[in-house]
Structure formats: C-alpha cells, structure tokens
Amino acid sequence: MNQFERVYLESTDVEKNMGLHWYTDQHAYLKDMSNHFNIPLDIVCGITAVLSPMVSWQENVNMTYHVLKFKGKVPASVKMPGFKSNVRKALRIYRGKKVFPSLSGPKVTQFYYNLLNPFDEEAITIDTFMIACYYDSRELGVIKKYTSEKHVEFLKNELRELAVKHALLPLQLQAIIWLAYHRIVRSMGSYGSQLTLKIF
C-alpha cells in the first residue's frame, strides 16, 4: 500500500463526495462563465489553469472572472494575486483567443485538460500537495527532488493503477486524495508556505 492509498482510505465521506464531483462541478461553473461572457470554454479553462499556481480556488475563479469582465484589460485597482507572469499569460490567452503556447508546465497543462473535460481518463493534475503526500514530506527540499517529468509521470501511473482498484477516474481519485491530505496537513499544524501551490 502506498501513501496515496493510505490517504484515500483515511478520507472522509464528505471528501470522497466532494472529490468525486469536483471537476464536473467546476467544469459546469466555468461553462456558465463561458456562456455569460460568450467566450469559448477552452479559453476560460486556459485562463483559469494559467492563473492557478499560488492561489486558492476561490481566488482563481475570481481572477478569471475579472479577466473576462474587463475583456483582457484588468484595471490596476483589481487584486490579482499569484505570479504576475501568469496574469500576463492569462491576458494573452484572452486577447489572442488561443490557449497554447501561453499555457505551459505539466501541472497547469494537466489542470487545464481536467477542467475542460472532467471525464478525461488520461490527464492527472500533480501539484506540490500530491508530491508531498506521496513522499510523506512537507520539506521543500525533498519535494523539489520529485518535480521532474519522470517523477510526475510515475505519480500519475500510481494514481491510474489505484483508480482502477477503487473503480474511480484518476482525476476523481486525485481530487479526493488532495482534499484529504490538505485536511491532514492542516491538522498537523505543518501547512507551510512551501505547500501553498493550491489548486482547489
């Protein structure tokens, strides 16, 4: 039994239910936003994904809303947390109506595909929390050792195998584990700045 499975088995019924539907719920939310602003869903998902590092999910969707509302010209008075370079990428996606090449990086790209298609059986979002969970470490130095493409692909394969065992889509299992580990880390009082690459 690996650490992913241990955390999954420790997840609460609420976490299981939330994780099971997290991507479908957020897909529907972003689709409503897409319809409201008459912007293609892939562009809305791309903007959301590129803005996701270092922010909470609520901050994430708020920023996406502002990019759409202000038509890619967000006033300086509007708070846009996270990396400024990602805000610039989001504005380029909006203005160019093209997700790639502004969208890059394994975590952000996989998150984009998961938001765009909540039934995707291939794409799996691996962020800092998932790496910390598998290797049972909250130390930034340890986590950084496992951020290579090779290690990320290894973790995705671990999730795929476990998802089959528990009759879930890999992205559903990932969401459940993320939510459960988030709770576990907070309960231990070790929720440090190195683990703030939040996606939910």
C-alpha atoms as a PDB file:
ATOM      1  CA  MET A   1       0.000   0.000   0.000  1.00  0.00           C
ATOM      2  CA  ASN A   2       1.475   3.367  -0.983  1.00  0.00           C
ATOM      3  CA  GLN A   3       0.893   6.737   0.640  1.00  0.00           C
ATOM      4  CA  PHE A   4      -1.744   7.736  -1.920  1.00  0.00           C
ATOM      5  CA  GLU A   5      -3.853   4.743  -0.949  1.00  0.00           C
ATOM      6  CA  ARG A   6      -3.352   5.337   2.769  1.00  0.00           C
ATOM      7  CA  VAL A   7      -4.617   8.898   2.449  1.00  0.00           C
ATOM      8  CA  TYR A   8      -7.511   7.798   0.243  1.00  0.00           C
ATOM      9  CA  LEU A   9      -8.574   5.237   2.847  1.00  0.00           C
ATOM     10  CA  GLU A  10      -8.384   7.944   5.533  1.00  0.00           C
ATOM     11  CA  SER A  11     -10.577  10.333   3.524  1.00  0.00           C
ATOM     12  CA  THR A  12     -13.956  11.230   4.973  1.00  0.00           C
ATOM     13  CA  ASP A  13     -17.276  10.609   3.243  1.00  0.00           C
ATOM     14  CA  VAL A  14     -17.532  14.351   2.617  1.00  0.00           C
ATOM     15  CA  GLU A  15     -14.097  14.416   0.973  1.00  0.00           C
ATOM     16  CA  LYS A  16     -14.960  11.396  -1.151  1.00  0.00           C
ATOM     17  CA  ASN A  17     -18.180  13.018  -2.328  1.00  0.00           C
ATOM     18  CA  MET A  18     -16.549  16.391  -2.984  1.00  0.00           C
ATOM     19  CA  GLY A  19     -13.602  14.844  -4.801  1.00  0.00           C
ATOM     20  CA  LEU A  20     -15.833  12.598  -6.864  1.00  0.00           C
ATOM     21  CA  HIS A  21     -17.666  15.602  -8.299  1.00  0.00           C
ATOM     22  CA  TRP A  22     -15.063  18.358  -8.002  1.00  0.00           C
ATOM     23  CA  TYR A  23     -14.021  18.535 -11.631  1.00  0.00           C
ATOM     24  CA  THR A  24     -17.541  18.122 -13.003  1.00  0.00           C
ATOM     25  CA  ASP A  25     -18.808  20.853 -10.670  1.00  0.00           C
ATOM     26  CA  GLN A  26     -16.046  23.284 -11.619  1.00  0.00           C
ATOM     27  CA  HIS A  27     -16.419  22.440 -15.305  1.00  0.00           C
ATOM     28  CA  ALA A  28     -20.096  23.382 -15.045  1.00  0.00           C
ATOM     29  CA  TYR A  29     -19.202  26.592 -13.197  1.00  0.00           C
ATOM     30  CA  LEU A  30     -16.674  27.615 -15.839  1.00  0.00           C
ATOM     31  CA  LYS A  31     -19.126  26.685 -18.598  1.00  0.00           C
ATOM     32  CA  ASP A  32     -21.670  29.076 -17.067  1.00  0.00           C
ATOM     33  CA  MET A  33     -19.000  31.777 -17.056  1.00  0.00           C
ATOM     34  CA  SER A  34     -18.175  30.931 -20.666  1.00  0.00           C
ATOM     35  CA  ASN A  35     -21.808  31.309 -21.693  1.00  0.00           C
ATOM     36  CA  HIS A  36     -22.274  34.507 -19.703  1.00  0.00           C
ATOM     37  CA  PHE A  37     -19.343  36.279 -21.352  1.00  0.00           C
ATOM     38  CA  ASN A  38     -19.697  34.490 -24.700  1.00  0.00           C
ATOM     39  CA  ILE A  39     -16.092  33.280 -24.533  1.00  0.00           C
ATOM     40  CA  PRO A  40     -15.208  29.729 -25.673  1.00  0.00           C
ATOM     41  CA  LEU A  41     -14.922  27.253 -22.812  1.00  0.00           C
ATOM     42  CA  ASP A  42     -11.389  26.219 -23.743  1.00  0.00           C
ATOM     43  CA  ILE A  43     -10.261  29.850 -23.372  1.00  0.00           C
ATOM     44  CA  VAL A  44     -11.977  30.168 -19.980  1.00  0.00           C
ATOM     45  CA  CYS A  45     -10.374  26.909 -18.781  1.00  0.00           C
ATOM     46  CA  GLY A  46      -6.996  28.013 -20.122  1.00  0.00           C
ATOM     47  CA  ILE A  47      -7.175  31.340 -18.292  1.00  0.00           C
ATOM     48  CA  THR A  48      -8.239  29.578 -15.093  1.00  0.00           C
ATOM     49  CA  ALA A  49      -5.456  26.996 -15.310  1.00  0.00           C
ATOM     50  CA  VAL A  50      -2.692  29.500 -16.044  1.00  0.00           C
ATOM     51  CA  LEU A  51      -3.770  31.638 -13.063  1.00  0.00           C
ATOM     52  CA  SER A  52      -3.959  28.676 -10.661  1.00  0.00           C
ATOM     53  CA  PRO A  53      -0.422  28.438  -9.154  1.00  0.00           C
ATOM     54  CA  MET A  54      -0.040  30.004  -5.707  1.00  0.00           C
ATOM     55  CA  VAL A  55      -3.724  30.890  -5.285  1.00  0.00           C
ATOM     56  CA  SER A  56      -6.790  29.301  -3.737  1.00  0.00           C
ATOM     57  CA  TRP A  57      -9.602  28.079  -5.962  1.00  0.00           C
ATOM     58  CA  GLN A  58     -11.839  30.998  -4.977  1.00  0.00           C
ATOM     59  CA  GLU A  59      -9.102  33.485  -5.839  1.00  0.00           C
ATOM     60  CA  ASN A  60      -8.520  31.556  -9.052  1.00  0.00           C
ATOM     61  CA  VAL A  61     -12.091  31.839 -10.344  1.00  0.00           C
ATOM     62  CA  ASN A  62     -12.372  35.448  -9.163  1.00  0.00           C
ATOM     63  CA  MET A  63      -9.339  36.368 -11.258  1.00  0.00           C
ATOM     64  CA  THR A  64     -10.738  34.505 -14.256  1.00  0.00           C
ATOM     65  CA  TYR A  65     -13.989  36.425 -13.844  1.00  0.00           C
ATOM     66  CA  HIS A  66     -12.129  39.740 -13.839  1.00  0.00           C
ATOM     67  CA  VAL A  67     -10.124  38.871 -16.948  1.00  0.00           C
ATOM     68  CA  LEU A  68     -13.387  38.087 -18.757  1.00  0.00           C
ATOM     69  CA  LYS A  69     -15.360  41.008 -17.322  1.00  0.00           C
ATOM     70  CA  PHE A  70     -12.726  43.565 -18.253  1.00  0.00           C
ATOM     71  CA  LYS A  71     -12.071  41.932 -21.637  1.00  0.00           C
ATOM     72  CA  GLY A  72      -8.404  41.246 -21.031  1.00  0.00           C
ATOM     73  CA  LYS A  73      -7.658  44.703 -19.659  1.00  0.00           C
ATOM     74  CA  VAL A  74      -7.886  44.302 -15.885  1.00  0.00           C
ATOM     75  CA  PRO A  75      -7.575  47.661 -14.078  1.00  0.00           C
ATOM     76  CA  ALA A  76      -4.752  48.089 -11.570  1.00  0.00           C
ATOM     77  CA  SER A  77      -7.315  48.522  -8.779  1.00  0.00           C
ATOM     78  CA  VAL A  78      -8.436  44.879  -9.136  1.00  0.00           C
ATOM     79  CA  LYS A  79      -6.483  42.465  -6.934  1.00  0.00           C
ATOM     80  CA  MET A  80      -4.790  39.720  -8.950  1.00  0.00           C
ATOM     81  CA  PRO A  81      -2.735  37.543  -6.547  1.00  0.00           C
ATOM     82  CA  GLY A  82      -0.240  34.885  -7.561  1.00  0.00           C
ATOM     83  CA  PHE A  83       2.509  35.216 -10.147  1.00  0.00           C
ATOM     84  CA  LYS A  84       2.368  38.405 -12.250  1.00  0.00           C
ATOM     85  CA  SER A  85       3.830  36.476 -15.182  1.00  0.00           C
ATOM     86  CA  ASN A  86       0.793  34.173 -15.078  1.00  0.00           C
ATOM     87  CA  VAL A  87      -1.560  37.149 -15.102  1.00  0.00           C
ATOM     88  CA  ARG A  88       0.191  38.369 -18.255  1.00  0.00           C
ATOM     89  CA  LYS A  89      -0.197  34.911 -19.802  1.00  0.00           C
ATOM     90  CA  ALA A  90      -3.916  34.905 -18.948  1.00  0.00           C
ATOM     91  CA  LEU A  91      -4.368  38.262 -20.655  1.00  0.00           C
ATOM     92  CA  ARG A  92      -2.530  36.959 -23.740  1.00  0.00           C
ATOM     93  CA  ILE A  93      -4.831  33.936 -23.860  1.00  0.00           C
ATOM     94  CA  TYR A  94      -7.874  36.181 -23.706  1.00  0.00           C
ATOM     95  CA  ARG A  95      -6.654  38.638 -26.327  1.00  0.00           C
ATOM     96  CA  GLY A  96      -5.352  36.004 -28.714  1.00  0.00           C
ATOM     97  CA  LYS A  97      -8.260  33.579 -28.148  1.00  0.00           C
ATOM     98  CA  LYS A  98      -5.609  30.846 -28.152  1.00  0.00           C
ATOM     99  CA  VAL A  99      -4.636  28.701 -25.151  1.00  0.00           C
ATOM    100  CA  PHE A 100      -1.260  27.487 -26.401  1.00  0.00           C
ATOM    101  CA  PRO A 101       1.625  28.391 -26.283  1.00  0.00           C
ATOM    102  CA  SER A 102       0.825  30.695 -23.337  1.00  0.00           C
ATOM    103  CA  LEU A 103      -0.231  27.663 -21.314  1.00  0.00           C
ATOM    104  CA  SER A 104       2.784  25.588 -20.242  1.00  0.00           C
ATOM    105  CA  GLY A 105       4.138  23.383 -17.473  1.00  0.00           C
ATOM    106  CA  PRO A 106       2.880  19.893 -16.543  1.00  0.00           C
ATOM    107  CA  LYS A 107       0.695  20.883 -13.568  1.00  0.00           C
ATOM    108  CA  VAL A 108      -1.005  23.797 -15.316  1.00  0.00           C
ATOM    109  CA  THR A 109      -1.476  21.904 -18.591  1.00  0.00           C
ATOM    110  CA  GLN A 110      -2.979  18.845 -16.888  1.00  0.00           C
ATOM    111  CA  PHE A 111      -5.250  21.063 -14.791  1.00  0.00           C
ATOM    112  CA  TYR A 112      -6.471  22.711 -17.999  1.00  0.00           C
ATOM    113  CA  TYR A 113      -7.385  19.354 -19.531  1.00  0.00           C
ATOM    114  CA  ASN A 114      -9.107  18.212 -16.320  1.00  0.00           C
ATOM    115  CA  LEU A 115     -11.215  21.384 -16.161  1.00  0.00           C
ATOM    116  CA  LEU A 116     -12.061  21.220 -19.854  1.00  0.00           C
ATOM    117  CA  ASN A 117     -13.012  17.529 -19.743  1.00  0.00           C
ATOM    118  CA  PRO A 118     -13.964  16.253 -16.263  1.00  0.00           C
ATOM    119  CA  PHE A 119     -14.207  12.709 -17.633  1.00  0.00           C
ATOM    120  CA  ASP A 120     -10.670  12.671 -19.032  1.00  0.00           C
ATOM    121  CA  GLU A 121      -9.052   9.328 -18.197  1.00  0.00           C
ATOM    122  CA  GLU A 122      -5.516  10.385 -19.130  1.00  0.00           C
ATOM    123  CA  ALA A 123      -4.800  13.846 -17.723  1.00  0.00           C
ATOM    124  CA  ILE A 124      -3.997  13.972 -13.991  1.00  0.00           C
ATOM    125  CA  THR A 125      -3.043  17.116 -12.093  1.00  0.00           C
ATOM    126  CA  ILE A 126       0.048  16.599  -9.949  1.00  0.00           C
ATOM    127  CA  ASP A 127       0.859  19.635  -7.807  1.00  0.00           C
ATOM    128  CA  THR A 128       3.057  20.222  -4.772  1.00  0.00           C
ATOM    129  CA  PHE A 129       0.495  18.733  -2.408  1.00  0.00           C
ATOM    130  CA  MET A 130       0.282  15.486  -4.351  1.00  0.00           C
ATOM    131  CA  ILE A 131       4.080  15.150  -4.362  1.00  0.00           C
ATOM    132  CA  ALA A 132       4.240  15.942  -0.636  1.00  0.00           C
ATOM    133  CA  CYS A 133       1.508  13.390   0.004  1.00  0.00           C
ATOM    134  CA  TYR A 134       3.157  10.521  -1.839  1.00  0.00           C
ATOM    135  CA  TYR A 135       6.583  11.061  -0.286  1.00  0.00           C
ATOM    136  CA  ASP A 136       5.099  11.994   3.102  1.00  0.00           C
ATOM    137  CA  SER A 137       7.201  15.132   3.386  1.00  0.00           C
ATOM    138  CA  ARG A 138       6.455  18.807   3.858  1.00  0.00           C
ATOM    139  CA  GLU A 139      10.079  19.825   3.286  1.00  0.00           C
ATOM    140  CA  LEU A 140      10.565  21.971   0.203  1.00  0.00           C
ATOM    141  CA  GLY A 141      13.993  20.489  -0.473  1.00  0.00           C
ATOM    142  CA  VAL A 142      12.575  16.972  -0.521  1.00  0.00           C
ATOM    143  CA  ILE A 143       9.568  17.918  -2.649  1.00  0.00           C
ATOM    144  CA  LYS A 144      11.715  19.670  -5.267  1.00  0.00           C
ATOM    145  CA  LYS A 145      13.632  16.429  -5.873  1.00  0.00           C
ATOM    146  CA  TYR A 146      10.464  14.830  -7.218  1.00  0.00           C
ATOM    147  CA  THR A 147       9.166  17.530  -9.558  1.00  0.00           C
ATOM    148  CA  SER A 148      10.852  16.226 -12.716  1.00  0.00           C
ATOM    149  CA  GLU A 149       8.740  15.000 -15.614  1.00  0.00           C
ATOM    150  CA  LYS A 150       9.870  11.442 -14.891  1.00  0.00           C
ATOM    151  CA  HIS A 151       8.725  11.555 -11.261  1.00  0.00           C
ATOM    152  CA  VAL A 152       5.442  13.270 -12.123  1.00  0.00           C
ATOM    153  CA  GLU A 153       4.683  10.572 -14.704  1.00  0.00           C
ATOM    154  CA  PHE A 154       5.472   7.929 -12.060  1.00  0.00           C
ATOM    155  CA  LEU A 155       2.939   9.504  -9.677  1.00  0.00           C
ATOM    156  CA  LYS A 156       0.325   9.669 -12.432  1.00  0.00           C
ATOM    157  CA  ASN A 157       0.783   5.963 -13.118  1.00  0.00           C
ATOM    158  CA  GLU A 158       0.455   5.213  -9.398  1.00  0.00           C
ATOM    159  CA  LEU A 159      -2.860   7.084  -9.393  1.00  0.00           C
ATOM    160  CA  ARG A 160      -4.064   5.313 -12.538  1.00  0.00           C
ATOM    161  CA  GLU A 161      -3.457   1.889 -11.007  1.00  0.00           C
ATOM    162  CA  LEU A 162      -5.097   2.881  -7.750  1.00  0.00           C
ATOM    163  CA  ALA A 163      -8.064   4.397  -9.582  1.00  0.00           C
ATOM    164  CA  VAL A 164      -8.735   1.087 -11.323  1.00  0.00           C
ATOM    165  CA  LYS A 165      -8.588  -0.710  -7.979  1.00  0.00           C
ATOM    166  CA  HIS A 166     -11.152   1.627  -6.428  1.00  0.00           C
ATOM    167  CA  ALA A 167     -13.340   1.999  -9.544  1.00  0.00           C
ATOM    168  CA  LEU A 168     -12.717   5.724  -9.951  1.00  0.00           C
ATOM    169  CA  LEU A 169     -11.438   8.003 -12.672  1.00  0.00           C
ATOM    170  CA  PRO A 170      -7.834   9.028 -11.944  1.00  0.00           C
ATOM    171  CA  LEU A 171      -8.820  12.695 -11.683  1.00  0.00           C
ATOM    172  CA  GLN A 172     -11.547  11.790  -9.163  1.00  0.00           C
ATOM    173  CA  LEU A 173      -9.075   9.882  -7.035  1.00  0.00           C
ATOM    174  CA  GLN A 174      -6.579  12.734  -7.279  1.00  0.00           C
ATOM    175  CA  ALA A 175      -9.175  15.242  -6.083  1.00  0.00           C
ATOM    176  CA  ILE A 176     -10.203  13.049  -3.129  1.00  0.00           C
ATOM    177  CA  ILE A 177      -6.598  12.498  -2.048  1.00  0.00           C
ATOM    178  CA  TRP A 178      -5.811  16.209  -2.436  1.00  0.00           C
ATOM    179  CA  LEU A 179      -8.727  17.204  -0.217  1.00  0.00           C
ATOM    180  CA  ALA A 180      -7.934  14.576   2.413  1.00  0.00           C
ATOM    181  CA  TYR A 181      -4.227  15.399   2.518  1.00  0.00           C
ATOM    182  CA  HIS A 182      -4.981  19.097   2.744  1.00  0.00           C
ATOM    183  CA  ARG A 183      -7.014  18.372   5.897  1.00  0.00           C
ATOM    184  CA  ILE A 184      -4.337  16.082   7.335  1.00  0.00           C
ATOM    185  CA  VAL A 185      -1.558  18.632   6.818  1.00  0.00           C
ATOM    186  CA  ARG A 186      -3.630  21.410   8.395  1.00  0.00           C
ATOM    187  CA  SER A 187      -4.450  19.207  11.399  1.00  0.00           C
ATOM    188  CA  MET A 188      -0.712  18.606  11.919  1.00  0.00           C
ATOM    189  CA  GLY A 189      -0.054  22.334  12.011  1.00  0.00           C
ATOM    190  CA  SER A 190       2.537  21.995   9.254  1.00  0.00           C
ATOM    191  CA  TYR A 191       0.823  23.900   6.489  1.00  0.00           C
ATOM    192  CA  GLY A 192       3.867  25.878   5.391  1.00  0.00           C
ATOM    193  CA  SER A 193       4.424  28.339   2.586  1.00  0.00           C
ATOM    194  CA  GLN A 194       6.097  25.622   0.540  1.00  0.00           C
ATOM    195  CA  LEU A 195       2.746  23.871   0.222  1.00  0.00           C
ATOM    196  CA  THR A 196       0.670  26.797  -0.951  1.00  0.00           C
ATOM    197  CA  LEU A 197       0.518  25.854  -4.619  1.00  0.00           C
ATOM    198  CA  LYS A 198      -3.182  25.350  -4.150  1.00  0.00           C
ATOM    199  CA  ILE A 199      -5.483  24.355  -6.972  1.00  0.00           C
ATOM    200  CA  PHE A 200      -8.742  23.906  -5.066  1.00  0.00           C
END
